[in-house]
Amino acid sequence: MADNYNIYAPWTASASVAGAVGASVSQAGATGEKLVVTDFSATGDLTTLCTIESPAGTILWRGRNPSSGAYVIHLEPGVLVAATNTAVVGRLAAATASSEVSIGGFKVKG
């Protein structure tokens, strides 16, 4: 990590949706903290678009599920750090089956 962060709490958020509507989950950052994303997982269809975004919709990370079923990535700590006092959103585009998305990481003093 480039910055000397004051790590103080892990966090996770997940959501699941039945049907062909995709799924999204948001984790809010409290006053004075940044969210560091280290994990993303999704379950959906082949080649479904997966993203981690800012609340304004800016893409921070993008990938495609290479096969039907589970898609899991692990990011090095410090690669994806949200701005202070900002949420992060994990999103799985519309699928033809039930969808689930989870994001996680740790909180740092901003």
C-alpha atoms as a PDB file:
ATOM      1  CA  MET A   1       0.000   0.000   0.000  1.00  0.00           C
ATOM      2  CA  ALA A   2       1.252   3.435  -0.865  1.00  0.00           C
ATOM      3  CA  ASP A   3      -0.404   5.150   2.097  1.00  0.00           C
ATOM      4  CA  ASN A   4       0.088   4.453   5.777  1.00  0.00           C
ATOM      5  CA  TYR A   5      -3.514   3.607   6.683  1.00  0.00           C
ATOM      6  CA  ASN A   6      -4.953   3.330  10.164  1.00  0.00           C
ATOM      7  CA  ILE A   7      -6.889   0.066   9.714  1.00  0.00           C
ATOM      8  CA  TYR A   8      -9.599  -0.405  12.294  1.00  0.00           C
ATOM      9  CA  ALA A   9     -12.501  -2.559  11.112  1.00  0.00           C
ATOM     10  CA  PRO A  10     -13.377  -5.156   8.475  1.00  0.00           C
ATOM     11  CA  TRP A  11     -16.667  -4.823   6.557  1.00  0.00           C
ATOM     12  CA  THR A  12     -18.796  -6.920   4.213  1.00  0.00           C
ATOM     13  CA  ALA A  13     -22.036  -6.349   2.346  1.00  0.00           C
ATOM     14  CA  SER A  14     -24.080  -8.715   0.197  1.00  0.00           C
ATOM     15  CA  ALA A  15     -27.375  -8.925  -1.643  1.00  0.00           C
ATOM     16  CA  SER A  16     -29.217 -11.563  -3.584  1.00  0.00           C
ATOM     17  CA  VAL A  17     -32.043 -11.179  -6.082  1.00  0.00           C
ATOM     18  CA  ALA A  18     -34.262 -13.762  -7.775  1.00  0.00           C
ATOM     19  CA  GLY A  19     -34.948 -13.360 -11.474  1.00  0.00           C
ATOM     20  CA  ALA A  20     -33.253 -11.655 -14.396  1.00  0.00           C
ATOM     21  CA  VAL A  21     -32.636  -8.276 -12.785  1.00  0.00           C
ATOM     22  CA  GLY A  22     -29.023  -8.467 -11.597  1.00  0.00           C
ATOM     23  CA  ALA A  23     -28.006  -7.421  -8.103  1.00  0.00           C
ATOM     24  CA  SER A  24     -26.245  -4.566  -6.366  1.00  0.00           C
ATOM     25  CA  VAL A  25     -25.067  -3.849  -2.848  1.00  0.00           C
ATOM     26  CA  SER A  26     -23.744  -0.686  -1.245  1.00  0.00           C
ATOM     27  CA  GLN A  27     -21.522  -0.100   1.767  1.00  0.00           C
ATOM     28  CA  ALA A  28     -21.404   3.437   3.158  1.00  0.00           C
ATOM     29  CA  GLY A  29     -18.255   5.005   4.513  1.00  0.00           C
ATOM     30  CA  ALA A  30     -18.776   6.922   7.760  1.00  0.00           C
ATOM     31  CA  THR A  31     -17.454  10.414   8.413  1.00  0.00           C
ATOM     32  CA  GLY A  32     -13.681  10.460   8.328  1.00  0.00           C
ATOM     33  CA  GLU A  33     -13.184   6.944   6.968  1.00  0.00           C
ATOM     34  CA  LYS A  34     -12.271   5.339   3.660  1.00  0.00           C
ATOM     35  CA  LEU A  35     -13.386   1.913   2.495  1.00  0.00           C
ATOM     36  CA  VAL A  36     -10.700  -0.341   1.073  1.00  0.00           C
ATOM     37  CA  VAL A  37     -12.161  -3.078  -1.144  1.00  0.00           C
ATOM     38  CA  THR A  38     -10.258  -6.365  -1.069  1.00  0.00           C
ATOM     39  CA  ASP A  39     -12.913  -8.917  -2.065  1.00  0.00           C
ATOM     40  CA  PHE A  40     -15.681  -9.187  -4.652  1.00  0.00           C
ATOM     41  CA  SER A  41     -17.815 -12.221  -5.418  1.00  0.00           C
ATOM     42  CA  ALA A  42     -20.812 -12.732  -7.648  1.00  0.00           C
ATOM     43  CA  THR A  43     -23.008 -15.553  -8.842  1.00  0.00           C
ATOM     44  CA  GLY A  44     -24.742 -15.182 -12.185  1.00  0.00           C
ATOM     45  CA  ASP A  45     -24.599 -16.089 -15.841  1.00  0.00           C
ATOM     46  CA  LEU A  46     -21.671 -16.568 -18.210  1.00  0.00           C
ATOM     47  CA  THR A  47     -20.014 -13.262 -19.240  1.00  0.00           C
ATOM     48  CA  THR A  48     -22.186 -11.170 -16.919  1.00  0.00           C
ATOM     49  CA  LEU A  49     -20.622  -7.756 -16.295  1.00  0.00           C
ATOM     50  CA  CYS A  50     -19.435  -7.207 -12.715  1.00  0.00           C
ATOM     51  CA  THR A  51     -18.422  -3.785 -11.386  1.00  0.00           C
ATOM     52  CA  ILE A  52     -17.350  -1.957  -8.272  1.00  0.00           C
ATOM     53  CA  GLU A  53     -18.505   1.657  -8.483  1.00  0.00           C
ATOM     54  CA  SER A  54     -18.690   4.941  -6.658  1.00  0.00           C
ATOM     55  CA  PRO A  55     -22.207   6.081  -5.657  1.00  0.00           C
ATOM     56  CA  ALA A  56     -22.153   8.446  -8.658  1.00  0.00           C
ATOM     57  CA  GLY A  57     -21.664   5.464 -10.987  1.00  0.00           C
ATOM     58  CA  THR A  58     -17.958   5.929 -11.703  1.00  0.00           C
ATOM     59  CA  ILE A  59     -16.475   2.500 -12.466  1.00  0.00           C
ATOM     60  CA  LEU A  60     -13.621   1.723 -10.068  1.00  0.00           C
ATOM     61  CA  TRP A  61     -13.178  -1.892 -11.232  1.00  0.00           C
ATOM     62  CA  ARG A  62     -14.812  -3.958 -13.986  1.00  0.00           C
ATOM     63  CA  GLY A  63     -14.719  -7.615 -14.924  1.00  0.00           C
ATOM     64  CA  ARG A  64     -16.767 -10.351 -16.565  1.00  0.00           C
ATOM     65  CA  ASN A  65     -17.799 -13.631 -15.064  1.00  0.00           C
ATOM     66  CA  PRO A  66     -15.783 -16.099 -17.201  1.00  0.00           C
ATOM     67  CA  SER A  67     -18.220 -18.954 -16.561  1.00  0.00           C
ATOM     68  CA  SER A  68     -21.673 -19.618 -15.188  1.00  0.00           C
ATOM     69  CA  GLY A  69     -21.693 -19.756 -11.420  1.00  0.00           C
ATOM     70  CA  ALA A  70     -19.406 -18.131  -8.878  1.00  0.00           C
ATOM     71  CA  TYR A  71     -16.947 -15.371  -9.756  1.00  0.00           C
ATOM     72  CA  VAL A  72     -14.496 -14.342  -7.035  1.00  0.00           C
ATOM     73  CA  ILE A  73     -11.659 -11.814  -7.083  1.00  0.00           C
ATOM     74  CA  HIS A  74      -9.247 -10.693  -4.398  1.00  0.00           C
ATOM     75  CA  LEU A  75      -7.578  -7.299  -4.703  1.00  0.00           C
ATOM     76  CA  GLU A  76      -4.320  -6.337  -3.055  1.00  0.00           C
ATOM     77  CA  PRO A  77      -5.015  -3.945  -0.161  1.00  0.00           C
ATOM     78  CA  GLY A  78      -4.636  -0.394  -1.398  1.00  0.00           C
ATOM     79  CA  VAL A  79      -5.516  -1.097  -5.043  1.00  0.00           C
ATOM     80  CA  LEU A  80      -9.130   0.041  -4.677  1.00  0.00           C
ATOM     81  CA  VAL A  81      -9.665   2.714  -2.022  1.00  0.00           C
ATOM     82  CA  ALA A  82     -12.828   4.832  -1.984  1.00  0.00           C
ATOM     83  CA  ALA A  83     -12.696   8.547  -1.278  1.00  0.00           C
ATOM     84  CA  THR A  84     -13.161   9.654   2.326  1.00  0.00           C
ATOM     85  CA  ASN A  85     -16.834   9.652   3.461  1.00  0.00           C
ATOM     86  CA  THR A  86     -17.906   7.788   0.293  1.00  0.00           C
ATOM     87  CA  ALA A  87     -19.747   4.519  -0.292  1.00  0.00           C
ATOM     88  CA  VAL A  88     -18.782   1.738  -2.672  1.00  0.00           C
ATOM     89  CA  VAL A  89     -21.266  -0.240  -4.762  1.00  0.00           C
ATOM     90  CA  GLY A  90     -20.836  -3.813  -5.979  1.00  0.00           C
ATOM     91  CA  ARG A  91     -22.970  -4.559  -9.014  1.00  0.00           C
ATOM     92  CA  LEU A  92     -23.778  -7.578 -11.155  1.00  0.00           C
ATOM     93  CA  ALA A  93     -25.540  -6.771 -14.436  1.00  0.00           C
ATOM     94  CA  ALA A  94     -28.854  -8.409 -15.324  1.00  0.00           C
ATOM     95  CA  ALA A  95     -28.748 -12.181 -15.444  1.00  0.00           C
ATOM     96  CA  THR A  96     -31.175 -14.844 -16.613  1.00  0.00           C
ATOM     97  CA  ALA A  97     -31.019 -16.580 -13.251  1.00  0.00           C
ATOM     98  CA  SER A  98     -30.869 -15.574  -9.632  1.00  0.00           C
ATOM     99  CA  SER A  99     -28.002 -13.213  -8.845  1.00  0.00           C
ATOM    100  CA  GLU A 100     -25.871 -12.602  -5.788  1.00  0.00           C
ATOM    101  CA  VAL A 101     -23.103 -10.080  -5.198  1.00  0.00           C
ATOM    102  CA  SER A 102     -20.832  -9.493  -2.198  1.00  0.00           C
ATOM    103  CA  ILE A 103     -18.073  -6.993  -1.518  1.00  0.00           C
ATOM    104  CA  GLY A 104     -15.781  -6.660   1.453  1.00  0.00           C
ATOM    105  CA  GLY A 105     -12.627  -5.134   2.789  1.00  0.00           C
ATOM    106  CA  PHE A 106     -11.595  -2.964   5.679  1.00  0.00           C
ATOM    107  CA  LYS A 107     -12.168   0.553   6.963  1.00  0.00           C
ATOM    108  CA  VAL A 108      -9.373   3.041   7.478  1.00  0.00           C
ATOM    109  CA  LYS A 109      -9.257   6.506   8.984  1.00  0.00           C
ATOM    110  CA  GLY A 110      -9.440   8.930   6.070  1.00  0.00           C
END
